Every structure is written in structure tokens, then in C-alpha cells.
N, C-alpha and C. Protein backbone atom coordinates (compact mmCIF):
# COMPACT_ATOMS: atom_id res chain seq x y z
N LEU A 1 -12.87 -1.46 -4.70
CA LEU A 1 -11.72 -0.58 -4.92
C LEU A 1 -10.48 -1.22 -4.31
N GLN A 2 -9.41 -1.20 -5.04
CA GLN A 2 -8.15 -1.78 -4.57
C GLN A 2 -7.25 -0.66 -4.06
N LEU A 3 -6.71 -0.83 -2.87
CA LEU A 3 -5.83 0.18 -2.29
C LEU A 3 -4.39 0.03 -2.74
N GLY A 4 -4.09 -1.05 -3.45
CA GLY A 4 -2.72 -1.30 -3.85
C GLY A 4 -1.91 -2.01 -2.78
N LEU A 5 -2.61 -2.58 -1.80
CA LEU A 5 -1.94 -3.29 -0.71
C LEU A 5 -2.02 -4.79 -0.95
N SER A 6 -1.02 -5.51 -0.45
CA SER A 6 -1.09 -6.97 -0.48
C SER A 6 -2.14 -7.40 0.54
N PRO A 7 -2.64 -8.63 0.42
CA PRO A 7 -3.62 -9.10 1.41
C PRO A 7 -3.09 -8.99 2.85
N ARG A 8 -1.82 -9.29 3.06
CA ARG A 8 -1.25 -9.23 4.41
C ARG A 8 -1.12 -7.79 4.89
N GLU A 9 -0.73 -6.88 3.99
CA GLU A 9 -0.65 -5.47 4.36
C GLU A 9 -2.02 -4.94 4.74
N ALA A 10 -3.03 -5.34 3.99
CA ALA A 10 -4.40 -4.91 4.30
C ALA A 10 -4.84 -5.46 5.65
N GLU A 11 -4.43 -6.68 5.95
CA GLU A 11 -4.76 -7.31 7.23
C GLU A 11 -4.10 -6.55 8.38
N VAL A 12 -2.84 -6.19 8.21
CA VAL A 12 -2.13 -5.41 9.23
C VAL A 12 -2.83 -4.07 9.43
N LEU A 13 -3.18 -3.41 8.33
CA LEU A 13 -3.87 -2.11 8.42
C LEU A 13 -5.21 -2.25 9.13
N LEU A 14 -5.91 -3.33 8.88
CA LEU A 14 -7.19 -3.57 9.56
C LEU A 14 -7.00 -3.59 11.07
N TRP A 15 -5.97 -4.30 11.54
CA TRP A 15 -5.71 -4.37 12.98
C TRP A 15 -5.23 -3.03 13.52
N VAL A 16 -4.44 -2.30 12.75
CA VAL A 16 -4.00 -0.96 13.16
C VAL A 16 -5.22 -0.07 13.35
N ALA A 17 -6.16 -0.17 12.41
CA ALA A 17 -7.38 0.64 12.47
C ALA A 17 -8.20 0.33 13.72
N GLN A 18 -8.00 -0.86 14.27
CA GLN A 18 -8.72 -1.25 15.49
C GLN A 18 -7.92 -0.95 16.75
N GLY A 19 -6.81 -0.21 16.56
CA GLY A 19 -6.04 0.26 17.71
C GLY A 19 -5.03 -0.72 18.26
N LYS A 20 -4.73 -1.76 17.52
CA LYS A 20 -3.76 -2.75 17.99
C LYS A 20 -2.33 -2.24 17.82
N THR A 21 -1.46 -2.63 18.74
CA THR A 21 -0.04 -2.27 18.67
C THR A 21 0.68 -3.29 17.79
N ASN A 22 1.90 -2.96 17.39
CA ASN A 22 2.68 -3.91 16.58
C ASN A 22 2.84 -5.26 17.27
N PRO A 23 3.20 -5.30 18.57
CA PRO A 23 3.32 -6.60 19.23
C PRO A 23 2.00 -7.39 19.24
N GLU A 24 0.89 -6.67 19.44
CA GLU A 24 -0.42 -7.34 19.43
C GLU A 24 -0.72 -7.91 18.04
N ILE A 25 -0.44 -7.12 17.00
CA ILE A 25 -0.70 -7.57 15.63
C ILE A 25 0.18 -8.78 15.31
N ALA A 26 1.44 -8.73 15.71
CA ALA A 26 2.35 -9.85 15.48
C ALA A 26 1.81 -11.12 16.11
N SER A 27 1.31 -11.00 17.33
CA SER A 27 0.76 -12.15 18.04
C SER A 27 -0.50 -12.68 17.35
N ILE A 28 -1.39 -11.78 16.97
CA ILE A 28 -2.64 -12.16 16.31
C ILE A 28 -2.37 -12.90 15.00
N LEU A 29 -1.42 -12.37 14.21
CA LEU A 29 -1.16 -12.93 12.88
C LEU A 29 -0.11 -14.05 12.89
N GLY A 30 0.55 -14.25 14.04
CA GLY A 30 1.55 -15.29 14.12
C GLY A 30 2.81 -14.97 13.32
N ILE A 31 3.17 -13.68 13.30
CA ILE A 31 4.38 -13.24 12.60
C ILE A 31 5.22 -12.42 13.57
N SER A 32 6.45 -12.09 13.18
CA SER A 32 7.31 -11.32 14.07
C SER A 32 6.91 -9.84 14.06
N GLU A 33 7.28 -9.17 15.13
CA GLU A 33 7.00 -7.73 15.21
C GLU A 33 7.76 -7.00 14.10
N GLU A 34 8.94 -7.50 13.77
CA GLU A 34 9.73 -6.89 12.69
C GLU A 34 8.98 -6.98 11.35
N THR A 35 8.31 -8.10 11.12
CA THR A 35 7.53 -8.26 9.89
C THR A 35 6.35 -7.31 9.88
N VAL A 36 5.71 -7.11 11.03
CA VAL A 36 4.61 -6.15 11.12
C VAL A 36 5.12 -4.76 10.75
N LYS A 37 6.29 -4.40 11.26
CA LYS A 37 6.87 -3.08 10.97
C LYS A 37 7.14 -2.93 9.47
N LYS A 38 7.65 -4.00 8.85
CA LYS A 38 7.91 -3.95 7.40
C LYS A 38 6.61 -3.75 6.62
N HIS A 39 5.58 -4.48 7.02
CA HIS A 39 4.28 -4.33 6.35
C HIS A 39 3.74 -2.91 6.52
N MET A 40 3.85 -2.37 7.74
CA MET A 40 3.34 -1.02 7.99
C MET A 40 4.12 0.02 7.19
N LYS A 41 5.42 -0.18 7.09
CA LYS A 41 6.25 0.75 6.30
C LYS A 41 5.76 0.77 4.85
N GLN A 42 5.44 -0.41 4.32
CA GLN A 42 4.95 -0.50 2.95
C GLN A 42 3.55 0.11 2.81
N VAL A 43 2.71 -0.10 3.81
CA VAL A 43 1.36 0.48 3.81
C VAL A 43 1.46 2.01 3.76
N LEU A 44 2.32 2.57 4.61
CA LEU A 44 2.48 4.02 4.66
C LEU A 44 2.97 4.55 3.31
N ALA A 45 3.92 3.85 2.70
CA ALA A 45 4.45 4.28 1.41
C ALA A 45 3.38 4.18 0.32
N THR A 46 2.65 3.08 0.30
CA THR A 46 1.64 2.86 -0.72
C THR A 46 0.51 3.90 -0.63
N LEU A 47 0.10 4.22 0.60
CA LEU A 47 -0.99 5.18 0.78
C LEU A 47 -0.49 6.62 0.83
N ALA A 48 0.83 6.81 0.73
CA ALA A 48 1.45 8.14 0.73
C ALA A 48 1.09 8.95 1.97
N VAL A 49 1.25 8.31 3.13
CA VAL A 49 1.00 8.97 4.41
C VAL A 49 2.18 8.69 5.34
N GLU A 50 2.19 9.39 6.49
CA GLU A 50 3.33 9.26 7.39
C GLU A 50 3.02 8.58 8.72
N THR A 51 1.74 8.46 9.07
CA THR A 51 1.40 7.89 10.38
C THR A 51 0.35 6.79 10.24
N ARG A 52 0.25 5.99 11.29
CA ARG A 52 -0.74 4.91 11.32
C ARG A 52 -2.15 5.47 11.24
N THR A 53 -2.38 6.56 11.95
CA THR A 53 -3.71 7.19 11.94
C THR A 53 -4.05 7.69 10.55
N ALA A 54 -3.08 8.33 9.90
CA ALA A 54 -3.30 8.84 8.55
C ALA A 54 -3.58 7.70 7.58
N ALA A 55 -2.90 6.57 7.76
CA ALA A 55 -3.13 5.40 6.90
C ALA A 55 -4.56 4.90 7.06
N THR A 56 -5.02 4.84 8.30
CA THR A 56 -6.39 4.39 8.57
C THR A 56 -7.40 5.34 7.92
N LEU A 57 -7.19 6.64 8.10
CA LEU A 57 -8.11 7.64 7.54
C LEU A 57 -8.09 7.60 6.01
N ARG A 58 -6.90 7.45 5.43
CA ARG A 58 -6.77 7.40 3.97
C ARG A 58 -7.52 6.19 3.41
N ALA A 59 -7.37 5.05 4.06
CA ALA A 59 -8.06 3.84 3.61
C ALA A 59 -9.57 4.04 3.69
N LEU A 60 -10.04 4.65 4.77
CA LEU A 60 -11.48 4.90 4.91
C LEU A 60 -11.98 5.83 3.82
N GLU A 61 -11.21 6.87 3.52
CA GLU A 61 -11.58 7.80 2.45
C GLU A 61 -11.69 7.07 1.11
N LEU A 62 -10.69 6.25 0.83
CA LEU A 62 -10.65 5.56 -0.46
C LEU A 62 -11.75 4.50 -0.58
N LEU A 63 -12.15 3.93 0.54
CA LEU A 63 -13.14 2.86 0.51
C LEU A 63 -14.58 3.37 0.61
N GLN A 64 -14.74 4.65 0.94
CA GLN A 64 -16.08 5.20 1.07
C GLN A 64 -16.72 5.35 -0.32
N PRO A 65 -17.96 4.92 -0.46
CA PRO A 65 -18.63 5.06 -1.75
C PRO A 65 -18.83 6.52 -2.12
N SER A 66 -18.74 6.79 -3.39
CA SER A 66 -18.97 8.16 -3.86
C SER A 66 -20.44 8.51 -3.72
N PRO A 67 -20.76 9.77 -3.37
CA PRO A 67 -22.16 10.17 -3.20
C PRO A 67 -22.92 10.16 -4.51
């Protein structure tokens, strides 16, 4: 299932789901904190949610196999 995220946006969301802060994610990925914020803004818009936690939960819901 595709969430409609770019590979980098999905990567940022993965780290967010693991509780990492923007500065930590920037360091891990070797990008600026501002770029992390831009990616997260796009993730939130794409998943139609308002918070990092909601984005994580939405992704989990969408990725869960149907019963």
C-alpha cells in the first residue's frame, strides 16, 4: 500500500514514529532541521492529520492488513 509519501517523507515519518525529535532526525539523515520540518509539514498534509502522533497512527492504520 502506498501512503502517497515520497521516500524521504516516509523515512522522516519512520523516525518520528520511533520518538525522534526534528534535530535528531536531521542529524540521522544528514539534512537540516528546516528540511525535516518541511517534510513533516508535507506528511501531515498528505495524511490529512494535524500532529506527529496522528500521522504515526494514520500510517499504522493504512498499513495494517485487512482482516
